[in-house]
Protein backbone atom coordinates (compact mmCIF):
# COMPACT_ATOMS: atom_id res chain seq x y z
CA MET A 1 -6.55 28.66 -4.08
CA LYS A 2 -8.40 25.18 -4.67
CA SER A 3 -8.75 22.74 -2.25
CA ARG A 4 -7.33 19.22 -2.82
CA ILE A 5 -9.24 17.26 -0.36
CA ASP A 6 -11.01 15.63 -2.99
CA THR A 7 -7.65 14.28 -5.03
CA PRO A 8 -5.94 12.23 -2.32
CA ILE A 9 -2.73 9.43 -2.79
CA PHE A 10 -3.46 6.35 -2.04
CA ILE A 11 -0.29 3.89 -1.17
CA THR A 12 -1.07 0.37 -1.22
CA GLY A 13 0.72 -2.92 -1.77
CA ALA A 14 1.12 -6.44 0.27
CA GLU A 15 2.55 -6.01 3.49
CA ARG A 16 6.21 -6.02 3.43
CA SER A 17 6.44 -4.42 0.01
CA GLY A 18 7.62 -1.07 1.14
CA SER A 19 5.08 1.15 0.69
CA THR A 20 5.65 2.41 4.79
CA LEU A 21 9.22 3.70 2.84
CA ILE A 22 7.21 5.11 -0.18
CA ALA A 23 4.84 7.11 2.55
CA ARG A 24 7.71 8.23 4.31
CA ILE A 25 9.04 9.64 1.33
CA LEU A 26 5.66 11.68 0.32
CA LYS A 27 5.84 12.68 3.96
CA LEU A 28 9.04 14.69 3.03
CA CYS A 29 7.63 16.19 0.49
CA GLU A 30 5.27 18.15 2.72
CA VAL A 31 1.87 15.46 2.23
CA HIS A 32 -0.52 15.94 4.93
CA ILE A 33 -0.52 12.17 6.50
CA GLY A 34 -2.11 12.85 10.05
CA LYS A 35 -1.81 10.72 13.34
CA THR A 36 -0.14 7.45 12.46
CA THR A 37 1.36 4.17 13.73
CA ASN A 38 5.01 3.49 12.98
CA MET A 39 3.88 2.15 9.83
CA LEU A 40 2.61 5.12 8.83
CA GLU A 41 -0.89 4.37 8.60
CA ASN A 42 -3.15 7.01 9.68
CA ILE A 43 -4.91 6.02 12.91
CA LYS A 44 -8.29 7.25 13.10
CA ILE A 45 -8.92 6.60 9.17
CA THR A 46 -7.94 2.75 9.96
CA ASP A 47 -10.15 2.14 12.78
CA LEU A 48 -12.91 3.52 10.79
CA LEU A 49 -12.33 1.40 7.61
CA LYS A 50 -11.86 -1.98 9.89
CA ASN A 51 -15.10 -0.77 12.55
CA THR A 52 -16.97 -0.43 8.91
CA TYR A 53 -16.00 -3.46 6.52
CA GLY A 54 -14.07 -5.60 8.91
CA ASP A 55 -17.28 -7.90 10.49
CA LEU A 56 -18.13 -8.66 6.69
CA GLY A 57 -17.22 -11.82 6.14
CA LEU A 58 -12.93 -10.85 5.09
CA ASP A 59 -11.62 -14.26 3.13
CA LEU A 60 -7.66 -15.25 3.78
CA VAL A 61 -6.25 -12.14 1.73
CA GLY A 62 -8.74 -9.45 3.34
CA ASN A 63 -11.06 -9.13 0.18
CA LEU A 64 -14.31 -7.38 1.31
CA VAL A 65 -17.59 -10.17 0.34
CA GLY A 66 -20.75 -9.05 -0.32
CA PHE A 67 -19.93 -5.58 1.29
CA ASN A 68 -22.17 -2.30 0.49
CA ILE A 69 -20.01 1.09 -0.72
CA ARG A 70 -21.53 3.79 1.66
CA SER A 71 -22.25 7.02 -0.04
CA ASP A 72 -21.09 8.94 2.92
CA TRP A 73 -17.68 7.67 3.24
CA GLN A 74 -15.83 10.66 1.99
CA ASN A 75 -17.51 12.75 4.85
CA GLU A 76 -16.39 10.16 7.10
CA ILE A 77 -12.93 10.57 5.74
CA GLU A 78 -12.62 14.16 5.56
CA SER A 79 -13.96 14.46 9.34
CA VAL A 80 -11.14 12.86 10.48
CA LEU A 81 -8.61 15.08 7.86
CA ILE A 82 -10.20 18.12 9.51
CA LYS A 83 -9.96 17.29 13.37
CA GLU A 84 -6.50 16.21 12.32
CA GLY A 85 -5.64 19.73 11.24
CA TYR A 86 -5.91 19.54 7.01
CA ALA A 87 -7.03 22.92 5.73
CA GLY A 88 -6.83 21.36 1.81
CA LEU A 89 -3.92 23.47 1.04
CA ASN A 90 -1.45 20.56 0.37
CA ASP A 91 -1.82 17.33 -0.49
CA TRP A 92 -3.01 14.18 1.51
CA MET A 93 -2.39 10.61 1.51
CA TYR A 94 -3.63 7.29 3.43
CA LYS A 95 -1.69 4.59 3.10
CA SER A 96 -2.58 0.75 3.57
CA SER A 97 -2.54 -2.51 2.55
CA LEU A 98 -6.55 -2.74 3.32
CA LEU A 99 -6.45 0.17 0.30
CA CYS A 100 -6.31 -2.44 -2.40
CA LYS A 101 -8.99 -4.82 -0.81
CA THR A 102 -11.42 -2.36 -0.64
CA TRP A 103 -10.74 -0.42 -2.98
CA PRO A 104 -14.43 0.17 -4.65
CA VAL A 105 -15.12 1.88 -1.53
CA TRP A 106 -12.42 4.39 -1.99
CA ASN A 107 -13.12 4.82 -5.62
CA TYR A 108 -16.57 5.62 -5.48
CA ALA A 109 -15.51 8.39 -3.00
CA TYR A 110 -12.28 9.97 -4.48
CA PRO A 111 -12.98 8.89 -8.25
CA ASN A 112 -9.92 11.72 -8.94
CA ALA A 113 -7.51 10.21 -6.47
CA LYS A 114 -3.87 9.20 -7.61
CA TRP A 115 -3.21 5.28 -6.82
CA VAL A 116 0.34 4.29 -6.00
CA ILE A 117 0.75 0.25 -5.94
CA VAL A 118 4.00 -0.97 -4.52
CA ARG A 119 5.62 -3.94 -5.54
CA ARG A 120 8.16 -6.31 -4.29
CA ASN A 121 9.84 -9.55 -5.63
CA LYS A 122 7.58 -12.14 -4.55
CA ASP A 123 10.15 -14.74 -3.06
CA ASP A 124 11.40 -11.78 -0.51
CA ILE A 125 7.77 -10.69 0.48
CA VAL A 126 7.50 -14.36 1.49
CA GLN A 127 10.23 -14.49 3.32
CA SER A 128 9.63 -11.37 4.90
CA CYS A 129 6.25 -12.70 6.27
CA LEU A 130 7.93 -15.92 7.30
CA LYS A 131 10.10 -13.78 9.57
CA THR A 132 7.90 -11.42 10.94
CA ALA A 133 6.45 -12.17 14.37
CA TYR A 134 2.94 -10.37 13.85
CA MET A 135 2.52 -11.98 10.18
CA TYR A 136 0.61 -15.02 11.79
CA LYS A 137 -2.09 -16.09 9.06
CA PHE A 138 -0.64 -18.87 7.37
CA LYS A 139 0.67 -20.31 11.03
CA SER A 140 -2.60 -21.51 11.27
CA SER A 141 -3.32 -25.15 10.03
CA ARG A 142 -6.98 -24.65 9.69
CA ASN A 143 -6.10 -21.29 7.32
CA LEU A 144 -3.48 -23.80 4.90
CA LYS A 145 -6.54 -26.56 5.23
CA VAL A 146 -9.21 -24.39 3.52
CA LEU A 147 -6.93 -23.62 0.82
CA ASN A 148 -5.44 -27.19 0.25
CA LEU A 149 -1.70 -25.89 1.15
CA THR A 150 0.29 -27.57 3.35
CA THR A 151 3.14 -25.12 4.38
CA GLU A 152 3.39 -21.60 5.67
CA SER A 153 5.59 -20.54 2.75
CA ALA A 154 3.17 -22.02 0.29
CA GLY A 155 0.41 -20.01 2.29
CA TRP A 156 1.94 -16.41 1.89
CA ASP A 157 2.98 -17.45 -1.57
CA TYR A 158 -0.86 -17.91 -2.40
CA TRP A 159 -1.65 -14.57 -0.58
CA VAL A 160 0.86 -12.84 -2.67
CA ASP A 161 -0.66 -14.04 -5.90
CA GLN A 162 -3.75 -12.91 -4.31
CA HIS A 163 -2.92 -9.30 -4.24
CA ASN A 164 -1.36 -9.43 -7.59
CA LYS A 165 -4.71 -10.11 -9.07
CA LEU A 166 -6.45 -7.17 -7.08
CA PHE A 167 -3.47 -4.48 -8.53
CA VAL A 168 -5.00 -6.19 -11.89
CA THR A 169 -8.52 -5.65 -11.01
CA MET A 170 -7.73 -1.70 -9.74
CA MET A 171 -5.94 -0.94 -13.18
CA GLU A 172 -8.69 -2.87 -15.31
CA ASN A 173 -10.93 -0.65 -13.90
CA GLY A 174 -9.68 2.35 -14.43
CA LEU A 175 -8.13 3.66 -11.51
CA ASN A 176 -5.25 5.78 -12.11
CA CYS A 177 -2.43 3.74 -10.34
CA ARG A 178 1.39 4.34 -10.97
CA ILE A 179 3.55 0.78 -9.87
CA ILE A 180 6.88 1.11 -7.94
CA TRP A 181 9.27 -1.29 -6.72
CA PRO A 182 10.93 0.50 -3.54
CA GLU A 183 13.85 -1.81 -3.55
CA ARG A 184 15.73 -0.37 -6.83
CA MET A 185 16.25 2.47 -4.85
CA VAL A 186 18.50 0.16 -2.64
CA TYR A 187 20.59 -0.54 -5.80
CA GLY A 188 20.87 3.30 -6.50
CA ASP A 189 18.27 3.31 -8.80
CA TYR A 190 15.77 6.50 -8.31
CA GLU A 191 14.22 6.36 -11.37
CA GLN A 192 10.80 5.79 -10.68
CA ILE A 193 10.78 7.68 -7.32
CA TYR A 194 12.11 10.45 -9.63
CA GLU A 195 8.97 9.88 -11.69
CA LEU A 196 6.77 9.46 -9.18
CA ILE A 197 7.21 12.75 -7.29
CA GLU A 198 6.73 14.26 -10.77
CA TRP A 199 3.84 12.61 -11.92
CA LEU A 200 2.06 13.37 -8.60
CA GLY A 201 2.67 17.24 -8.66
CA LEU A 202 5.20 17.04 -5.54
CA ALA A 203 8.56 18.93 -5.23
CA TRP A 204 11.22 16.94 -4.62
CA SER A 205 13.17 16.75 -1.29
CA ASN A 206 17.11 15.96 -0.96
CA ASN A 207 16.02 14.60 2.49
CA ILE A 208 14.61 11.50 0.61
CA TYR A 209 18.18 10.31 0.30
CA SER A 210 18.47 9.98 3.71
CA GLU A 211 15.45 7.82 4.09
CA ILE A 212 16.76 4.87 1.77
CA ASP A 213 18.66 2.69 4.34
CA PRO A 214 21.01 0.80 1.99
CA LEU A 215 20.43 -2.36 4.34
CA LEU A 216 16.59 -2.34 3.48
CA TRP A 217 15.61 -5.91 3.35
CA HIS A 218 18.96 -6.95 4.22
CA THR A 219 19.40 -6.72 0.45
CA ARG A 220 23.40 -5.49 0.19
CA ASN A 221 25.28 -8.42 0.27
CA LYS A 222 22.38 -10.29 -1.86
CA GLU A 223 23.25 -10.97 -5.06
CA LYS A 224 21.32 -9.74 -8.27
CA LYS A 225 19.38 -12.88 -9.66
CA GLY A 226 18.45 -11.97 -13.37
CA VAL A 227 16.17 -9.76 -13.90
CA LEU A 228 14.86 -9.00 -10.24
CA TYR A 229 12.67 -6.01 -10.81
CA GLY A 230 10.00 -6.35 -13.60
CA THR A 231 7.30 -3.98 -14.82
CA ASP A 232 4.78 -6.81 -15.53
CA ILE A 233 2.14 -6.60 -12.95
CA THR A 234 1.91 -10.41 -12.80
CA LYS A 235 5.46 -11.13 -12.06
């Protein structure tokens, strides 16, 4: 059987978008993920990424400024995978918001990767960031001043817009991407997740339904406002 080590699945999006839910679903489809945090980010790979590129002048969104693409990046990543028991017989994935900010590094190492871009309504992301203790980037008046903004809410609004621009750039550069809006599943719309599983060549697991919390993002009691979930990357 041909090894699948050269064809990873990368899951990315702005934080608070639902990427952890997508990672959980793919894990149920027997995709290798390794040793992870509670947010299903591979610990060793994230440490390697931060240690390698974390001190090269990150801007307020996290885009790497003037960084070099390492030719040995694939070897570094696969060393982690092998140490964690990956044998190349099934698909593997890495989920991180850092992926969209460092996509040239990963695209160079894995040009045949499939990218899953997780989206969520911008206002919902902003409200979630405001309520999440560890999302503190725009509690800093210094950061707001750099952007000529005055409120934390405006900071997160800017932050989401910058992520959306990154997603456009990724697609314009030919990355093999699919966009998914997880919140649709809260309302019983499974079309996108069915299509995603098929696109990835995975087998559906009925356990997936149990992963979809009807209270996800506190939306059960929210009224749908107009067309909440578009397909336009800029919305």
